[in-house]
Amino acid sequence: MYAIVRCGGRQEKASVDDLLTVDKLAGEVGTSVTLPAVLVVDGSTVISDPAKLSSYQVTAEIVGPASGPKINMIHYKNKTGYRRRLGHRQKYTQVRVTGIGAPKARARSATKG
């Protein structure tokens, strides 16, 4: 069973016990987060209906912070002596998927009428 989850504007394929690198999330190491499912595949059954997907949850545990590759930028203007060197390193969070599935159905209360 696997699910396609949306996190930080991107979509990632997630199975149980997978280690994903997603955009930086607020939270400490060891805390649990819930990621919204876009598509769920369970064997031969594929669920993509938003009404049915609203009941599915993908839970993950924050493993720790991570950093992306260093990106160097150079600005240069000819004949003016203008040179500028910039750098950027994107911050990420690594999460481990702990479970994929629908939450237990709520017990319906009997209505009198």
PDB file of N, CA and C in Angstrom:
ATOM      1  N   MET A   1       0.851  -1.175   0.000  1.00  0.00           N
ATOM      2  CA  MET A   1       0.000   0.000   0.000  1.00  0.00           C
ATOM      3  C   MET A   1       0.892   1.232   0.000  1.00  0.00           C
ATOM      4  N   TYR A   2       0.538   2.182  -0.846  1.00  0.00           N
ATOM      5  CA  TYR A   2       1.260   3.444  -0.831  1.00  0.00           C
ATOM      6  C   TYR A   2       0.287   4.578  -1.110  1.00  0.00           C
ATOM      7  N   ALA A   3       0.736   5.785  -0.819  1.00  0.00           N
ATOM      8  CA  ALA A   3      -0.091   6.966  -1.025  1.00  0.00           C
ATOM      9  C   ALA A   3       0.766   8.064  -1.630  1.00  0.00           C
ATOM     10  N   ILE A   4       0.134   8.913  -2.404  1.00  0.00           N
ATOM     11  CA  ILE A   4       0.772  10.124  -2.898  1.00  0.00           C
ATOM     12  C   ILE A   4       0.305  11.242  -1.978  1.00  0.00           C
ATOM     13  N   VAL A   5       1.243  11.899  -1.310  1.00  0.00           N
ATOM     14  CA  VAL A   5       0.895  12.946  -0.346  1.00  0.00           C
ATOM     15  C   VAL A   5       1.381  14.297  -0.845  1.00  0.00           C
ATOM     16  N   ARG A   6       0.689  15.343  -0.405  1.00  0.00           N
ATOM     17  CA  ARG A   6       1.075  16.705  -0.749  1.00  0.00           C
ATOM     18  C   ARG A   6       1.739  17.322   0.472  1.00  0.00           C
ATOM     19  N   CYS A   7       2.918  17.849   0.257  1.00  0.00           N
ATOM     20  CA  CYS A   7       3.636  18.485   1.359  1.00  0.00           C
ATOM     21  C   CYS A   7       4.535  19.571   0.790  1.00  0.00           C
ATOM     22  N   GLY A   8       4.278  20.802   1.173  1.00  0.00           N
ATOM     23  CA  GLY A   8       5.125  21.904   0.750  1.00  0.00           C
ATOM     24  C   GLY A   8       5.042  22.225  -0.733  1.00  0.00           C
ATOM     25  N   GLY A   9       3.876  22.050  -1.339  1.00  0.00           N
ATOM     26  CA  GLY A   9       3.728  22.378  -2.741  1.00  0.00           C
ATOM     27  C   GLY A   9       4.193  21.295  -3.693  1.00  0.00           C
ATOM     28  N   ARG A  10       4.696  20.204  -3.178  1.00  0.00           N
ATOM     29  CA  ARG A  10       5.137  19.084  -4.023  1.00  0.00           C
ATOM     30  C   ARG A  10       4.370  17.839  -3.626  1.00  0.00           C
ATOM     31  N   GLN A  11       4.441  16.829  -4.462  1.00  0.00           N
ATOM     32  CA  GLN A  11       3.810  15.557  -4.154  1.00  0.00           C
ATOM     33  C   GLN A  11       4.882  14.486  -4.052  1.00  0.00           C
ATOM     34  N   GLU A  12       4.753  13.633  -3.036  1.00  0.00           N
ATOM     35  CA  GLU A  12       5.734  12.578  -2.782  1.00  0.00           C
ATOM     36  C   GLU A  12       5.016  11.241  -2.661  1.00  0.00           C
ATOM     37  N   LYS A  13       5.660  10.183  -3.121  1.00  0.00           N
ATOM     38  CA  LYS A  13       5.143   8.828  -2.954  1.00  0.00           C
ATOM     39  C   LYS A  13       5.593   8.328  -1.582  1.00  0.00           C
ATOM     40  N   ALA A  14       4.636   7.852  -0.778  1.00  0.00           N
ATOM     41  CA  ALA A  14       4.946   7.446   0.588  1.00  0.00           C
ATOM     42  C   ALA A  14       4.397   6.060   0.874  1.00  0.00           C
ATOM     43  N   SER A  15       5.262   5.203   1.405  1.00  0.00           N
ATOM     44  CA  SER A  15       4.866   3.896   1.921  1.00  0.00           C
ATOM     45  C   SER A  15       5.243   3.863   3.395  1.00  0.00           C
ATOM     46  N   VAL A  16       4.733   2.882   4.108  1.00  0.00           N
ATOM     47  CA  VAL A  16       5.058   2.764   5.529  1.00  0.00           C
ATOM     48  C   VAL A  16       6.551   2.507   5.682  1.00  0.00           C
ATOM     49  N   ASP A  17       7.180   3.166   6.629  1.00  0.00           N
ATOM     50  CA  ASP A  17       8.611   3.098   6.959  1.00  0.00           C
ATOM     51  C   ASP A  17       9.510   3.778   5.921  1.00  0.00           C
ATOM     52  N   ASP A  18       8.954   4.564   5.010  1.00  0.00           N
ATOM     53  CA  ASP A  18       9.768   5.345   4.076  1.00  0.00           C
ATOM     54  C   ASP A  18      10.277   6.601   4.763  1.00  0.00           C
ATOM     55  N   LEU A  19      11.473   7.030   4.377  1.00  0.00           N
ATOM     56  CA  LEU A  19      12.057   8.263   4.878  1.00  0.00           C
ATOM     57  C   LEU A  19      11.937   9.306   3.771  1.00  0.00           C
ATOM     58  N   LEU A  20      11.139  10.355   4.021  1.00  0.00           N
ATOM     59  CA  LEU A  20      10.899  11.396   3.034  1.00  0.00           C
ATOM     60  C   LEU A  20      11.597  12.687   3.445  1.00  0.00           C
ATOM     61  N   THR A  21      12.054  13.431   2.463  1.00  0.00           N
ATOM     62  CA  THR A  21      12.613  14.755   2.708  1.00  0.00           C
ATOM     63  C   THR A  21      11.623  15.764   2.139  1.00  0.00           C
ATOM     64  N   VAL A  22      11.004  16.549   3.037  1.00  0.00           N
ATOM     65  CA  VAL A  22       9.984  17.517   2.649  1.00  0.00           C
ATOM     66  C   VAL A  22      10.426  18.908   3.080  1.00  0.00           C
ATOM     67  N   ASP A  23       9.720  19.936   2.601  1.00  0.00           N
ATOM     68  CA  ASP A  23      10.041  21.303   3.007  1.00  0.00           C
ATOM     69  C   ASP A  23       9.935  21.428   4.523  1.00  0.00           C
ATOM     70  N   LYS A  24      10.610  22.415   5.063  1.00  0.00           N
ATOM     71  CA  LYS A  24      10.729  22.567   6.513  1.00  0.00           C
ATOM     72  C   LYS A  24       9.359  22.622   7.183  1.00  0.00           C
ATOM     73  N   LEU A  25       9.189  21.789   8.215  1.00  0.00           N
ATOM     74  CA  LEU A  25       7.960  21.724   8.993  1.00  0.00           C
ATOM     75  C   LEU A  25       8.212  22.237  10.397  1.00  0.00           C
ATOM     76  N   ALA A  26       7.216  22.867  10.972  1.00  0.00           N
ATOM     77  CA  ALA A  26       7.308  23.301  12.361  1.00  0.00           C
ATOM     78  C   ALA A  26       7.072  22.090  13.256  1.00  0.00           C
ATOM     79  N   GLY A  27       7.916  21.887  14.219  1.00  0.00           N
ATOM     80  CA  GLY A  27       7.782  20.756  15.125  1.00  0.00           C
ATOM     81  C   GLY A  27       9.143  20.245  15.541  1.00  0.00           C
ATOM     82  N   GLU A  28       9.154  19.524  16.640  1.00  0.00           N
ATOM     83  CA  GLU A  28      10.402  18.983  17.166  1.00  0.00           C
ATOM     84  C   GLU A  28      10.570  17.531  16.735  1.00  0.00           C
ATOM     85  N   VAL A  29      11.781  17.036  16.915  1.00  0.00           N
ATOM     86  CA  VAL A  29      12.092  15.651  16.567  1.00  0.00           C
ATOM     87  C   VAL A  29      11.233  14.723  17.417  1.00  0.00           C
ATOM     88  N   GLY A  30      10.603  13.752  16.769  1.00  0.00           N
ATOM     89  CA  GLY A  30       9.777  12.783  17.476  1.00  0.00           C
ATOM     90  C   GLY A  30       8.298  13.101  17.468  1.00  0.00           C
ATOM     91  N   THR A  31       7.910  14.311  17.075  1.00  0.00           N
ATOM     92  CA  THR A  31       6.496  14.639  17.042  1.00  0.00           C
ATOM     93  C   THR A  31       5.854  14.059  15.790  1.00  0.00           C
ATOM     94  N   SER A  32       4.559  13.845  15.872  1.00  0.00           N
ATOM     95  CA  SER A  32       3.814  13.233  14.775  1.00  0.00           C
ATOM     96  C   SER A  32       3.125  14.316  13.954  1.00  0.00           C
ATOM     97  N   VAL A  33       3.131  14.139  12.632  1.00  0.00           N
ATOM     98  CA  VAL A  33       2.449  15.061  11.726  1.00  0.00           C
ATOM     99  C   VAL A  33       1.528  14.263  10.818  1.00  0.00           C
ATOM    100  N   THR A  34       0.483  14.924  10.323  1.00  0.00           N
ATOM    101  CA  THR A  34      -0.457  14.303   9.400  1.00  0.00           C
ATOM    102  C   THR A  34      -0.320  14.990   8.051  1.00  0.00           C
ATOM    103  N   LEU A  35      -0.131  14.196   6.996  1.00  0.00           N
ATOM    104  CA  LEU A  35       0.028  14.729   5.651  1.00  0.00           C
ATOM    105  C   LEU A  35      -1.229  14.422   4.839  1.00  0.00           C
ATOM    106  N   PRO A  36      -1.712  15.381   4.037  1.00  0.00           N
ATOM    107  CA  PRO A  36      -2.917  15.128   3.239  1.00  0.00           C
ATOM    108  C   PRO A  36      -2.629  14.206   2.065  1.00  0.00           C
ATOM    109  N   ALA A  37      -3.491  13.225   1.854  1.00  0.00           N
ATOM    110  CA  ALA A  37      -3.327  12.254   0.772  1.00  0.00           C
ATOM    111  C   ALA A  37      -3.994  12.775  -0.498  1.00  0.00           C
ATOM    112  N   VAL A  38      -3.320  12.614  -1.625  1.00  0.00           N
ATOM    113  CA  VAL A  38      -3.853  13.003  -2.924  1.00  0.00           C
ATOM    114  C   VAL A  38      -4.368  11.774  -3.661  1.00  0.00           C
ATOM    115  N   LEU A  39      -3.708  10.632  -3.437  1.00  0.00           N
ATOM    116  CA  LEU A  39      -4.058   9.389  -4.106  1.00  0.00           C
ATOM    117  C   LEU A  39      -3.628   8.245  -3.206  1.00  0.00           C
ATOM    118  N   VAL A  40      -4.444   7.205  -3.096  1.00  0.00           N
ATOM    119  CA  VAL A  40      -4.100   6.025  -2.296  1.00  0.00           C
ATOM    120  C   VAL A  40      -4.233   4.791  -3.174  1.00  0.00           C
ATOM    121  N   VAL A  41      -3.197   3.951  -3.182  1.00  0.00           N
ATOM    122  CA  VAL A  41      -3.206   2.704  -3.951  1.00  0.00           C
ATOM    123  C   VAL A  41      -3.055   1.557  -2.963  1.00  0.00           C
ATOM    124  N   ASP A  42      -4.049   0.664  -2.969  1.00  0.00           N
ATOM    125  CA  ASP A  42      -4.020  -0.506  -2.094  1.00  0.00           C
ATOM    126  C   ASP A  42      -4.224  -1.734  -2.964  1.00  0.00           C
ATOM    127  N   GLY A  43      -3.113  -2.332  -3.385  1.00  0.00           N
ATOM    128  CA  GLY A  43      -3.205  -3.483  -4.273  1.00  0.00           C
ATOM    129  C   GLY A  43      -3.746  -3.058  -5.625  1.00  0.00           C
ATOM    130  N   SER A  44      -4.902  -3.610  -6.005  1.00  0.00           N
ATOM    131  CA  SER A  44      -5.511  -3.254  -7.287  1.00  0.00           C
ATOM    132  C   SER A  44      -6.513  -2.108  -7.159  1.00  0.00           C
ATOM    133  N   THR A  45      -6.767  -1.652  -5.941  1.00  0.00           N
ATOM    134  CA  THR A  45      -7.719  -0.571  -5.712  1.00  0.00           C
ATOM    135  C   THR A  45      -6.992   0.773  -5.683  1.00  0.00           C
ATOM    136  N   VAL A  46      -7.448   1.709  -6.514  1.00  0.00           N
ATOM    137  CA  VAL A  46      -6.886   3.056  -6.548  1.00  0.00           C
ATOM    138  C   VAL A  46      -7.985   4.027  -6.131  1.00  0.00           C
ATOM    139  N   ILE A  47      -7.710   4.822  -5.106  1.00  0.00           N
ATOM    140  CA  ILE A  47      -8.683   5.787  -4.609  1.00  0.00           C
ATOM    141  C   ILE A  47      -8.169   7.187  -4.915  1.00  0.00           C
ATOM    142  N   SER A  48      -8.933   7.925  -5.722  1.00  0.00           N
ATOM    143  CA  SER A  48      -8.538   9.293  -6.048  1.00  0.00           C
ATOM    144  C   SER A  48      -9.682  10.278  -5.851  1.00  0.00           C
ATOM    145  N   ASP A  49     -10.834   9.797  -5.406  1.00  0.00           N
ATOM    146  CA  ASP A  49     -11.988  10.658  -5.174  1.00  0.00           C
ATOM    147  C   ASP A  49     -11.766  11.500  -3.919  1.00  0.00           C
ATOM    148  N   PRO A  50     -11.819  12.828  -4.031  1.00  0.00           N
ATOM    149  CA  PRO A  50     -11.573  13.675  -2.851  1.00  0.00           C
ATOM    150  C   PRO A  50     -12.515  13.399  -1.690  1.00  0.00           C
ATOM    151  N   ALA A  51     -13.760  13.002  -1.965  1.00  0.00           N
ATOM    152  CA  ALA A  51     -14.704  12.710  -0.884  1.00  0.00           C
ATOM    153  C   ALA A  51     -14.253  11.493  -0.075  1.00  0.00           C
ATOM    154  N   LYS A  52     -13.727  10.472  -0.755  1.00  0.00           N
ATOM    155  CA  LYS A  52     -13.256   9.278  -0.053  1.00  0.00           C
ATOM    156  C   LYS A  52     -11.888   9.513   0.582  1.00  0.00           C
ATOM    157  N   LEU A  53     -11.050  10.336  -0.062  1.00  0.00           N
ATOM    158  CA  LEU A  53      -9.711  10.590   0.467  1.00  0.00           C
ATOM    159  C   LEU A  53      -9.733  11.424   1.741  1.00  0.00           C
ATOM    160  N   SER A  54     -10.812  12.145   1.980  1.00  0.00           N
ATOM    161  CA  SER A  54     -10.867  12.969   3.182  1.00  0.00           C
ATOM    162  C   SER A  54     -10.849  12.122   4.449  1.00  0.00           C
ATOM    163  N   SER A  55     -11.226  10.849   4.341  1.00  0.00           N
ATOM    164  CA  SER A  55     -11.207   9.980   5.521  1.00  0.00           C
ATOM    165  C   SER A  55      -9.860   9.293   5.716  1.00  0.00           C
ATOM    166  N   TYR A  56      -8.969   9.354   4.711  1.00  0.00           N
ATOM    167  CA  TYR A  56      -7.658   8.718   4.831  1.00  0.00           C
ATOM    168  C   TYR A  56      -6.656   9.654   5.480  1.00  0.00           C
ATOM    169  N   GLN A  57      -5.765   9.085   6.275  1.00  0.00           N
ATOM    170  CA  GLN A  57      -4.714   9.849   6.938  1.00  0.00           C
ATOM    171  C   GLN A  57      -3.371   9.188   6.686  1.00  0.00           C
ATOM    172  N   VAL A  58      -2.373  10.009   6.424  1.00  0.00           N
ATOM    173  CA  VAL A  58      -0.993   9.540   6.334  1.00  0.00           C
ATOM    174  C   VAL A  58      -0.261  10.185   7.496  1.00  0.00           C
ATOM    175  N   THR A  59       0.161   9.369   8.456  1.00  0.00           N
ATOM    176  CA  THR A  59       0.858   9.905   9.620  1.00  0.00           C
ATOM    177  C   THR A  59       2.352   9.660   9.473  1.00  0.00           C
ATOM    178  N   ALA A  60       3.114  10.622   9.953  1.00  0.00           N
ATOM    179  CA  ALA A  60       4.575  10.529   9.871  1.00  0.00           C
ATOM    180  C   ALA A  60       5.178  11.116  11.140  1.00  0.00           C
ATOM    181  N   GLU A  61       6.399  10.697  11.419  1.00  0.00           N
ATOM    182  CA  GLU A  61       7.131  11.173  12.591  1.00  0.00           C
ATOM    183  C   GLU A  61       8.346  11.961  12.108  1.00  0.00           C
ATOM    184  N   ILE A  62       8.568  13.123  12.722  1.00  0.00           N
ATOM    185  CA  ILE A  62       9.702  13.955  12.338  1.00  0.00           C
ATOM    186  C   ILE A  62      10.989  13.312  12.844  1.00  0.00           C
ATOM    187  N   VAL A  63      11.933  13.065  11.905  1.00  0.00           N
ATOM    188  CA  VAL A  63      13.210  12.441  12.245  1.00  0.00           C
ATOM    189  C   VAL A  63      14.253  13.501  12.568  1.00  0.00           C
ATOM    190  N   GLY A  64      14.295  14.565  11.773  1.00  0.00           N
ATOM    191  CA  GLY A  64      15.268  15.616  12.031  1.00  0.00           C
ATOM    192  C   GLY A  64      15.367  16.592  10.876  1.00  0.00           C
ATOM    193  N   PRO A  65      16.152  17.645  11.055  1.00  0.00           N
ATOM    194  CA  PRO A  65      16.326  18.635   9.981  1.00  0.00           C
ATOM    195  C   PRO A  65      17.330  18.146   8.934  1.00  0.00           C
ATOM    196  N   ALA A  66      17.239  18.710   7.761  1.00  0.00           N
ATOM    197  CA  ALA A  66      18.171  18.396   6.672  1.00  0.00           C
ATOM    198  C   ALA A  66      18.367  19.667   5.849  1.00  0.00           C
ATOM    199  N   SER A  67      19.441  19.705   5.084  1.00  0.00           N
ATOM    200  CA  SER A  67      19.727  20.847   4.219  1.00  0.00           C
ATOM    201  C   SER A  67      19.914  20.366   2.794  1.00  0.00           C
ATOM    202  N   GLY A  68      19.503  21.205   1.860  1.00  0.00           N
ATOM    203  CA  GLY A  68      19.659  20.884   0.455  1.00  0.00           C
ATOM    204  C   GLY A  68      21.047  21.273  -0.032  1.00  0.00           C
ATOM    205  N   PRO A  69      21.302  21.122  -1.326  1.00  0.00           N
ATOM    206  CA  PRO A  69      22.611  21.480  -1.867  1.00  0.00           C
ATOM    207  C   PRO A  69      22.811  22.988  -1.883  1.00  0.00           C
ATOM    208  N   LYS A  70      24.056  23.395  -1.825  1.00  0.00           N
ATOM    209  CA  LYS A  70      24.402  24.808  -1.880  1.00  0.00           C
ATOM    210  C   LYS A  70      24.227  25.303  -3.311  1.00  0.00           C
ATOM    211  N   ILE A  71      23.528  26.425  -3.452  1.00  0.00           N
ATOM    212  CA  ILE A  71      23.320  27.029  -4.759  1.00  0.00           C
ATOM    213  C   ILE A  71      24.060  28.360  -4.768  1.00  0.00           C
ATOM    214  N   ASN A  72      24.991  28.532  -5.701  1.00  0.00           N
ATOM    215  CA  ASN A  72      25.766  29.764  -5.810  1.00  0.00           C
ATOM    216  C   ASN A  72      25.235  30.606  -6.957  1.00  0.00           C
ATOM    217  N   MET A  73      25.129  31.909  -6.708  1.00  0.00           N
ATOM    218  CA  MET A  73      24.681  32.851  -7.727  1.00  0.00           C
ATOM    219  C   MET A  73      25.705  33.966  -7.825  1.00  0.00           C
ATOM    220  N   ILE A  74      25.968  34.419  -9.025  1.00  0.00           N
ATOM    221  CA  ILE A  74      26.901  35.521  -9.233  1.00  0.00           C
ATOM    222  C   ILE A  74      26.202  36.575 -10.083  1.00  0.00           C
ATOM    223  N   HIS A  75      26.181  37.822  -9.570  1.00  0.00           N
ATOM    224  CA  HIS A  75      25.659  38.952 -10.335  1.00  0.00           C
ATOM    225  C   HIS A  75      26.863  39.739 -10.845  1.00  0.00           C
ATOM    226  N   TYR A  76      26.816  40.108 -12.100  1.00  0.00           N
ATOM    227  CA  TYR A  76      27.945  40.792 -12.717  1.00  0.00           C
ATOM    228  C   TYR A  76      27.422  41.768 -13.753  1.00  0.00           C
ATOM    229  N   LYS A  77      27.942  42.981 -13.726  1.00  0.00           N
ATOM    230  CA  LYS A  77      27.630  43.971 -14.755  1.00  0.00           C
ATOM    231  C   LYS A  77      28.938  44.403 -15.405  1.00  0.00           C
ATOM    232  N   ASN A  78      28.931  44.340 -16.700  1.00  0.00           N
ATOM    233  CA  ASN A  78      30.125  44.642 -17.481  1.00  0.00           C
ATOM    234  C   ASN A  78      30.485  46.131 -17.389  1.00  0.00           C
ATOM    235  N   LYS A  79      31.775  46.411 -17.294  1.00  0.00           N
ATOM    236  CA  LYS A  79      32.357  47.762 -17.352  1.00  0.00           C
ATOM    237  C   LYS A  79      31.987  48.679 -16.187  1.00  0.00           C
ATOM    238  N   THR A  80      31.364  48.158 -15.137  1.00  0.00           N
ATOM    239  CA  THR A  80      30.994  49.010 -14.005  1.00  0.00           C
ATOM    240  C   THR A  80      31.689  48.604 -12.718  1.00  0.00           C
ATOM    241  N   GLY A  81      32.336  47.476 -12.702  1.00  0.00           N
ATOM    242  CA  GLY A  81      32.997  47.001 -11.488  1.00  0.00           C
ATOM    243  C   GLY A  81      32.027  46.371 -10.500  1.00  0.00           C
ATOM    244  N   TYR A  82      30.809  46.086 -10.929  1.00  0.00           N
ATOM    245  CA  TYR A  82      29.811  45.508 -10.033  1.00  0.00           C
ATOM    246  C   TYR A  82      29.892  43.991 -10.100  1.00  0.00           C
ATOM    247  N   ARG A  83      30.238  43.390  -8.973  1.00  0.00           N
ATOM    248  CA  ARG A  83      30.255  41.928  -8.831  1.00  0.00           C
ATOM    249  C   ARG A  83      29.668  41.591  -7.481  1.00  0.00           C
ATOM    250  N   ARG A  84      28.795  40.594  -7.458  1.00  0.00           N
ATOM    251  CA  ARG A  84      28.213  40.190  -6.193  1.00  0.00           C
ATOM    252  C   ARG A  84      28.023  38.679  -6.213  1.00  0.00           C
ATOM    253  N   ARG A  85      28.432  38.042  -5.140  1.00  0.00           N
ATOM    254  CA  ARG A  85      28.324  36.591  -5.022  1.00  0.00           C
ATOM    255  C   ARG A  85      27.329  36.278  -3.914  1.00  0.00           C
ATOM    256  N   LEU A  86      26.350  35.461  -4.226  1.00  0.00           N
ATOM    257  CA  LEU A  86      25.317  35.085  -3.268  1.00  0.00           C
ATOM    258  C   LEU A  86      25.249  33.569  -3.172  1.00  0.00           C
ATOM    259  N   GLY A  87      24.733  33.083  -2.063  1.00  0.00           N
ATOM    260  CA  GLY A  87      24.543  31.652  -1.883  1.00  0.00           C
ATOM    261  C   GLY A  87      23.236  31.367  -1.166  1.00  0.00           C
ATOM    262  N   HIS A  88      22.704  30.182  -1.387  1.00  0.00           N
ATOM    263  CA  HIS A  88      21.455  29.789  -0.744  1.00  0.00           C
ATOM    264  C   HIS A  88      21.495  28.287  -0.482  1.00  0.00           C
ATOM    265  N   ARG A  89      20.940  27.897   0.656  1.00  0.00           N
ATOM    266  CA  ARG A  89      20.835  26.485   0.999  1.00  0.00           C
ATOM    267  C   ARG A  89      19.453  26.254   1.606  1.00  0.00           C
ATOM    268  N   GLN A  90      18.608  25.502   0.907  1.00  0.00           N
ATOM    269  CA  GLN A  90      17.225  25.287   1.323  1.00  0.00           C
ATOM    270  C   GLN A  90      17.180  24.378   2.553  1.00  0.00           C
ATOM    271  N   LYS A  91      16.278  24.681   3.473  1.00  0.00           N
ATOM    272  CA  LYS A  91      16.080  23.882   4.681  1.00  0.00           C
ATOM    273  C   LYS A  91      14.962  22.871   4.463  1.00  0.00           C
ATOM    274  N   TYR A  92      15.196  21.649   4.871  1.00  0.00           N
ATOM    275  CA  TYR A  92      14.235  20.566   4.734  1.00  0.00           C
ATOM    276  C   TYR A  92      14.043  19.874   6.081  1.00  0.00           C
ATOM    277  N   THR A  93      13.016  19.028   6.151  1.00  0.00           N
ATOM    278  CA  THR A  93      12.763  18.186   7.315  1.00  0.00           C
ATOM    279  C   THR A  93      12.617  16.754   6.825  1.00  0.00           C
ATOM    280  N   GLN A  94      13.268  15.819   7.507  1.00  0.00           N
ATOM    281  CA  GLN A  94      13.117  14.411   7.169  1.00  0.00           C
ATOM    282  C   GLN A  94      12.038  13.808   8.062  1.00  0.00           C
ATOM    283  N   VAL A  95      11.103  13.099   7.440  1.00  0.00           N
ATOM    284  CA  VAL A  95      10.026  12.447   8.174  1.00  0.00           C
ATOM    285  C   VAL A  95       9.981  10.972   7.794  1.00  0.00           C
ATOM    286  N   ARG A  96       9.581  10.139   8.760  1.00  0.00           N
ATOM    287  CA  ARG A  96       9.409   8.702   8.516  1.00  0.00           C
ATOM    288  C   ARG A  96       7.911   8.403   8.576  1.00  0.00           C
ATOM    289  N   VAL A  97       7.381   7.791   7.527  1.00  0.00           N
ATOM    290  CA  VAL A  97       5.949   7.482   7.441  1.00  0.00           C
ATOM    291  C   VAL A  97       5.660   6.317   8.384  1.00  0.00           C
ATOM    292  N   THR A  98       4.699   6.525   9.300  1.00  0.00           N
ATOM    293  CA  THR A  98       4.377   5.502  10.291  1.00  0.00           C
ATOM    294  C   THR A  98       3.077   4.773   9.983  1.00  0.00           C
ATOM    295  N   GLY A  99       2.197   5.375   9.210  1.00  0.00           N
ATOM    296  CA  GLY A  99       0.941   4.694   8.917  1.00  0.00           C
ATOM    297  C   GLY A  99       0.165   5.349   7.794  1.00  0.00           C
ATOM    298  N   ILE A 100      -0.542   4.501   7.052  1.00  0.00           N
ATOM    299  CA  ILE A 100      -1.432   4.969   5.992  1.00  0.00           C
ATOM    300  C   ILE A 100      -2.738   4.227   6.179  1.00  0.00           C
ATOM    301  N   GLY A 101      -3.829   4.953   6.241  1.00  0.00           N
ATOM    302  CA  GLY A 101      -5.107   4.268   6.342  1.00  0.00           C
ATOM    303  C   GLY A 101      -6.216   5.186   6.759  1.00  0.00           C
ATOM    304  N   ALA A 102      -7.401   4.641   6.688  1.00  0.00           N
ATOM    305  CA  ALA A 102      -8.585   5.383   7.084  1.00  0.00           C
ATOM    306  C   ALA A 102      -8.731   5.291   8.596  1.00  0.00           C
ATOM    307  N   PRO A 103      -9.136   6.373   9.228  1.00  0.00           N
ATOM    308  CA  PRO A 103      -9.386   6.293  10.665  1.00  0.00           C
ATOM    309  C   PRO A 103     -10.596   5.409  10.942  1.00  0.00           C
ATOM    310  N   LYS A 104     -10.681   4.918  12.145  1.00  0.00           N
ATOM    311  CA  LYS A 104     -11.789   4.039  12.490  1.00  0.00           C
ATOM    312  C   LYS A 104     -13.108   4.792  12.353  1.00  0.00           C
ATOM    313  N   ALA A 105     -14.112   4.079  11.878  1.00  0.00           N
ATOM    314  CA  ALA A 105     -15.420   4.702  11.661  1.00  0.00           C
ATOM    315  C   ALA A 105     -16.016   5.111  13.005  1.00  0.00           C
ATOM    316  N   ARG A 106     -16.622   6.287  12.992  1.00  0.00           N
ATOM    317  CA  ARG A 106     -17.270   6.757  14.226  1.00  0.00           C
ATOM    318  C   ARG A 106     -18.589   6.029  14.427  1.00  0.00           C
ATOM    319  N   ALA A 107     -18.904   5.776  15.680  1.00  0.00           N
ATOM    320  CA  ALA A 107     -20.174   5.113  15.985  1.00  0.00           C
ATOM    321  C   ALA A 107     -21.299   6.121  15.783  1.00  0.00           C
ATOM    322  N   ARG A 108     -22.291   5.723  15.031  1.00  0.00           N
ATOM    323  CA  ARG A 108     -23.428   6.605  14.792  1.00  0.00           C
ATOM    324  C   ARG A 108     -24.365   6.559  15.987  1.00  0.00           C
ATOM    325  N   SER A 109     -24.817   7.721  16.373  1.00  0.00           N
ATOM    326  CA  SER A 109     -25.736   7.759  17.502  1.00  0.00           C
ATOM    327  C   SER A 109     -27.152   7.558  16.961  1.00  0.00           C
ATOM    328  N   ALA A 110     -27.959   6.855  17.722  1.00  0.00           N
ATOM    329  CA  ALA A 110     -29.325   6.599  17.319  1.00  0.00           C
ATOM    330  C   ALA A 110     -30.128   7.884  17.461  1.00  0.00           C
ATOM    331  N   THR A 111     -30.836   8.208  16.431  1.00  0.00           N
ATOM    332  CA  THR A 111     -31.652   9.413  16.480  1.00  0.00           C
ATOM    333  C   THR A 111     -33.098   9.039  16.667  1.00  0.00           C
ATOM    334  N   LYS A 112     -33.761   9.774  17.500  1.00  0.00           N
ATOM    335  CA  LYS A 112     -35.185   9.525  17.742  1.00  0.00           C
ATOM    336  C   LYS A 112     -35.984  10.389  16.784  1.00  0.00           C
ATOM    337  N   GLY A 113     -36.995   9.850  16.211  1.00  0.00           N
ATOM    338  CA  GLY A 113     -37.753  10.682  15.290  1.00  0.00           C
ATOM    339  C   GLY A 113     -39.041  10.131  14.899  1.00  0.00           C
TER     340      GLY A 113
END
